[in-house]
Amino acid sequence: MDSTTFVYLAFLLMLSIFLGFELISKVPATLHTPLMSGSNAISGITIVGAIIAAGTAGNDTVSIILGTSAVAFATINVVGGYLVTDRMLGMFKKKPGEKK
């Protein structure tokens, strides 16, 4: 990788980190649950990409380890996100015997 490509990718990474922080910090608290549900659904695409990366690794040990860890981390992210979302939505359900 030449230095121009590295500088371009580093700039893109810093810009995306800054933009993501600014966007998330301005989301009102009432929209966190729906936004989290949507991002969890999109994160499912990460699992597909990680499975493809792990499957095309060939015999390279480093590629197999990185692909497998990508599948594991993406799965933990999606499942954990859905569990948190379910718990948040459960806070709005009426309990048995509770009046409106």
C-alpha atoms as a PDB file:
ATOM      1  CA  MET A   1       0.000   0.000   0.000  1.00  0.00           C
ATOM      2  CA  ASP A   2       1.508   3.328  -0.992  1.00  0.00           C
ATOM      3  CA  SER A   3       1.529   6.367   1.281  1.00  0.00           C
ATOM      4  CA  THR A   4      -1.217   8.205  -0.651  1.00  0.00           C
ATOM      5  CA  THR A   5      -3.662   5.329  -0.178  1.00  0.00           C
ATOM      6  CA  PHE A   6      -2.766   5.045   3.511  1.00  0.00           C
ATOM      7  CA  VAL A   7      -3.335   8.774   4.105  1.00  0.00           C
ATOM      8  CA  TYR A   8      -6.651   8.618   2.229  1.00  0.00           C
ATOM      9  CA  LEU A   9      -7.859   5.615   4.266  1.00  0.00           C
ATOM     10  CA  ALA A  10      -6.708   7.173   7.559  1.00  0.00           C
ATOM     11  CA  PHE A  11      -8.568  10.389   6.694  1.00  0.00           C
ATOM     12  CA  LEU A  12     -11.682   8.402   5.802  1.00  0.00           C
ATOM     13  CA  LEU A  13     -11.507   6.508   9.110  1.00  0.00           C
ATOM     14  CA  MET A  14     -11.124   9.701  11.168  1.00  0.00           C
ATOM     15  CA  LEU A  15     -13.954  11.389   9.269  1.00  0.00           C
ATOM     16  CA  SER A  16     -16.300   8.438   9.811  1.00  0.00           C
ATOM     17  CA  ILE A  17     -15.474   8.305  13.542  1.00  0.00           C
ATOM     18  CA  PHE A  18     -16.162  12.040  13.921  1.00  0.00           C
ATOM     19  CA  LEU A  19     -19.366  11.897  11.873  1.00  0.00           C
ATOM     20  CA  GLY A  20     -20.654   8.845  13.759  1.00  0.00           C
ATOM     21  CA  PHE A  21     -19.986  10.472  17.127  1.00  0.00           C
ATOM     22  CA  GLU A  22     -21.721  13.691  16.102  1.00  0.00           C
ATOM     23  CA  LEU A  23     -24.775  11.878  14.739  1.00  0.00           C
ATOM     24  CA  ILE A  24     -25.231   9.540  17.690  1.00  0.00           C
ATOM     25  CA  SER A  25     -24.775  12.282  20.286  1.00  0.00           C
ATOM     26  CA  LYS A  26     -27.646  14.275  18.760  1.00  0.00           C
ATOM     27  CA  VAL A  27     -30.203  11.430  18.796  1.00  0.00           C
ATOM     28  CA  PRO A  28     -32.949  12.040  21.379  1.00  0.00           C
ATOM     29  CA  ALA A  29     -33.432   9.379  24.058  1.00  0.00           C
ATOM     30  CA  THR A  30     -36.873   8.429  22.710  1.00  0.00           C
ATOM     31  CA  LEU A  31     -35.361   7.316  19.415  1.00  0.00           C
ATOM     32  CA  HIS A  32     -32.558   5.135  20.797  1.00  0.00           C
ATOM     33  CA  THR A  33     -34.594   1.897  20.805  1.00  0.00           C
ATOM     34  CA  PRO A  34     -35.902   2.124  17.210  1.00  0.00           C
ATOM     35  CA  LEU A  35     -32.504   3.270  15.974  1.00  0.00           C
ATOM     36  CA  MET A  36     -30.814   0.399  17.786  1.00  0.00           C
ATOM     37  CA  SER A  37     -33.235  -2.132  16.285  1.00  0.00           C
ATOM     38  CA  GLY A  38     -32.540  -0.846  12.801  1.00  0.00           C
ATOM     39  CA  SER A  39     -28.794  -0.880  13.271  1.00  0.00           C
ATOM     40  CA  ASN A  40     -28.965  -4.442  14.619  1.00  0.00           C
ATOM     41  CA  ALA A  41     -30.761  -5.549  11.486  1.00  0.00           C
ATOM     42  CA  ILE A  42     -28.111  -3.884   9.357  1.00  0.00           C
ATOM     43  CA  SER A  43     -25.395  -5.521  11.458  1.00  0.00           C
ATOM     44  CA  GLY A  44     -26.724  -8.877  10.295  1.00  0.00           C
ATOM     45  CA  ILE A  45     -25.138  -8.046   6.948  1.00  0.00           C
ATOM     46  CA  THR A  46     -21.797  -8.003   8.754  1.00  0.00           C
ATOM     47  CA  ILE A  47     -22.289 -11.658   9.661  1.00  0.00           C
ATOM     48  CA  VAL A  48     -22.822 -12.549   5.999  1.00  0.00           C
ATOM     49  CA  GLY A  49     -19.658 -10.687   5.017  1.00  0.00           C
ATOM     50  CA  ALA A  50     -17.694 -12.339   7.818  1.00  0.00           C
ATOM     51  CA  ILE A  51     -18.883 -15.796   6.766  1.00  0.00           C
ATOM     52  CA  ILE A  52     -17.832 -15.079   3.183  1.00  0.00           C
ATOM     53  CA  ALA A  53     -14.436 -13.842   4.381  1.00  0.00           C
ATOM     54  CA  ALA A  54     -13.953 -16.909   6.578  1.00  0.00           C
ATOM     55  CA  GLY A  55     -15.007 -19.262   3.771  1.00  0.00           C
ATOM     56  CA  THR A  56     -12.639 -17.833   1.190  1.00  0.00           C
ATOM     57  CA  ALA A  57      -9.647 -17.802   3.529  1.00  0.00           C
ATOM     58  CA  GLY A  58      -7.999 -20.818   1.908  1.00  0.00           C
ATOM     59  CA  ASN A  59      -5.231 -22.459   3.910  1.00  0.00           C
ATOM     60  CA  ASP A  60      -3.754 -19.290   5.403  1.00  0.00           C
ATOM     61  CA  THR A  61      -3.926 -19.684   9.198  1.00  0.00           C
ATOM     62  CA  VAL A  62      -4.091 -15.938   9.909  1.00  0.00           C
ATOM     63  CA  SER A  63      -7.001 -15.487   7.483  1.00  0.00           C
ATOM     64  CA  ILE A  64      -8.900 -18.385   9.016  1.00  0.00           C
ATOM     65  CA  ILE A  65      -8.419 -17.008  12.544  1.00  0.00           C
ATOM     66  CA  LEU A  66      -9.436 -13.473  11.517  1.00  0.00           C
ATOM     67  CA  GLY A  67     -12.471 -14.716   9.553  1.00  0.00           C
ATOM     68  CA  THR A  68     -13.654 -16.906  12.405  1.00  0.00           C
ATOM     69  CA  SER A  69     -13.206 -14.140  14.961  1.00  0.00           C
ATOM     70  CA  ALA A  70     -15.107 -11.751  12.669  1.00  0.00           C
ATOM     71  CA  VAL A  71     -18.037 -14.191  12.570  1.00  0.00           C
ATOM     72  CA  ALA A  72     -17.944 -14.588  16.361  1.00  0.00           C
ATOM     73  CA  PHE A  73     -17.770 -10.852  17.116  1.00  0.00           C
ATOM     74  CA  ALA A  74     -20.466  -9.965  14.569  1.00  0.00           C
ATOM     75  CA  THR A  75     -22.774 -12.624  16.038  1.00  0.00           C
ATOM     76  CA  ILE A  76     -22.164 -11.388  19.596  1.00  0.00           C
ATOM     77  CA  ASN A  77     -22.907  -7.826  18.440  1.00  0.00           C
ATOM     78  CA  VAL A  78     -26.204  -8.724  16.766  1.00  0.00           C
ATOM     79  CA  VAL A  79     -27.484 -11.075  19.485  1.00  0.00           C
ATOM     80  CA  GLY A  80     -26.496  -8.695  22.286  1.00  0.00           C
ATOM     81  CA  GLY A  81     -28.132  -5.784  20.500  1.00  0.00           C
ATOM     82  CA  TYR A  82     -31.395  -7.657  20.096  1.00  0.00           C
ATOM     83  CA  LEU A  83     -31.355  -8.715  23.763  1.00  0.00           C
ATOM     84  CA  VAL A  84     -30.869  -5.112  24.884  1.00  0.00           C
ATOM     85  CA  THR A  85     -33.613  -3.922  22.515  1.00  0.00           C
ATOM     86  CA  ASP A  86     -35.997  -6.596  23.806  1.00  0.00           C
ATOM     87  CA  ARG A  87     -35.281  -5.575  27.383  1.00  0.00           C
ATOM     88  CA  MET A  88     -35.887  -1.910  26.563  1.00  0.00           C
ATOM     89  CA  LEU A  89     -39.175  -2.691  24.845  1.00  0.00           C
ATOM     90  CA  GLY A  90     -40.188  -4.848  27.808  1.00  0.00           C
ATOM     91  CA  MET A  91     -40.081  -1.752  29.982  1.00  0.00           C
ATOM     92  CA  PHE A  92     -43.080  -0.391  28.083  1.00  0.00           C
ATOM     93  CA  LYS A  93     -45.281  -3.488  28.434  1.00  0.00           C
ATOM     94  CA  LYS A  94     -48.079  -3.479  30.981  1.00  0.00           C
ATOM     95  CA  LYS A  95     -47.609  -5.832  33.886  1.00  0.00           C
ATOM     96  CA  PRO A  96     -50.439  -8.260  34.692  1.00  0.00           C
ATOM     97  CA  GLY A  97     -53.069  -6.549  36.800  1.00  0.00           C
ATOM     98  CA  GLU A  98     -51.720  -3.078  36.069  1.00  0.00           C
ATOM     99  CA  LYS A  99     -54.195  -0.400  34.994  1.00  0.00           C
ATOM    100  CA  LYS A 100     -53.532   2.193  32.347  1.00  0.00           C
END
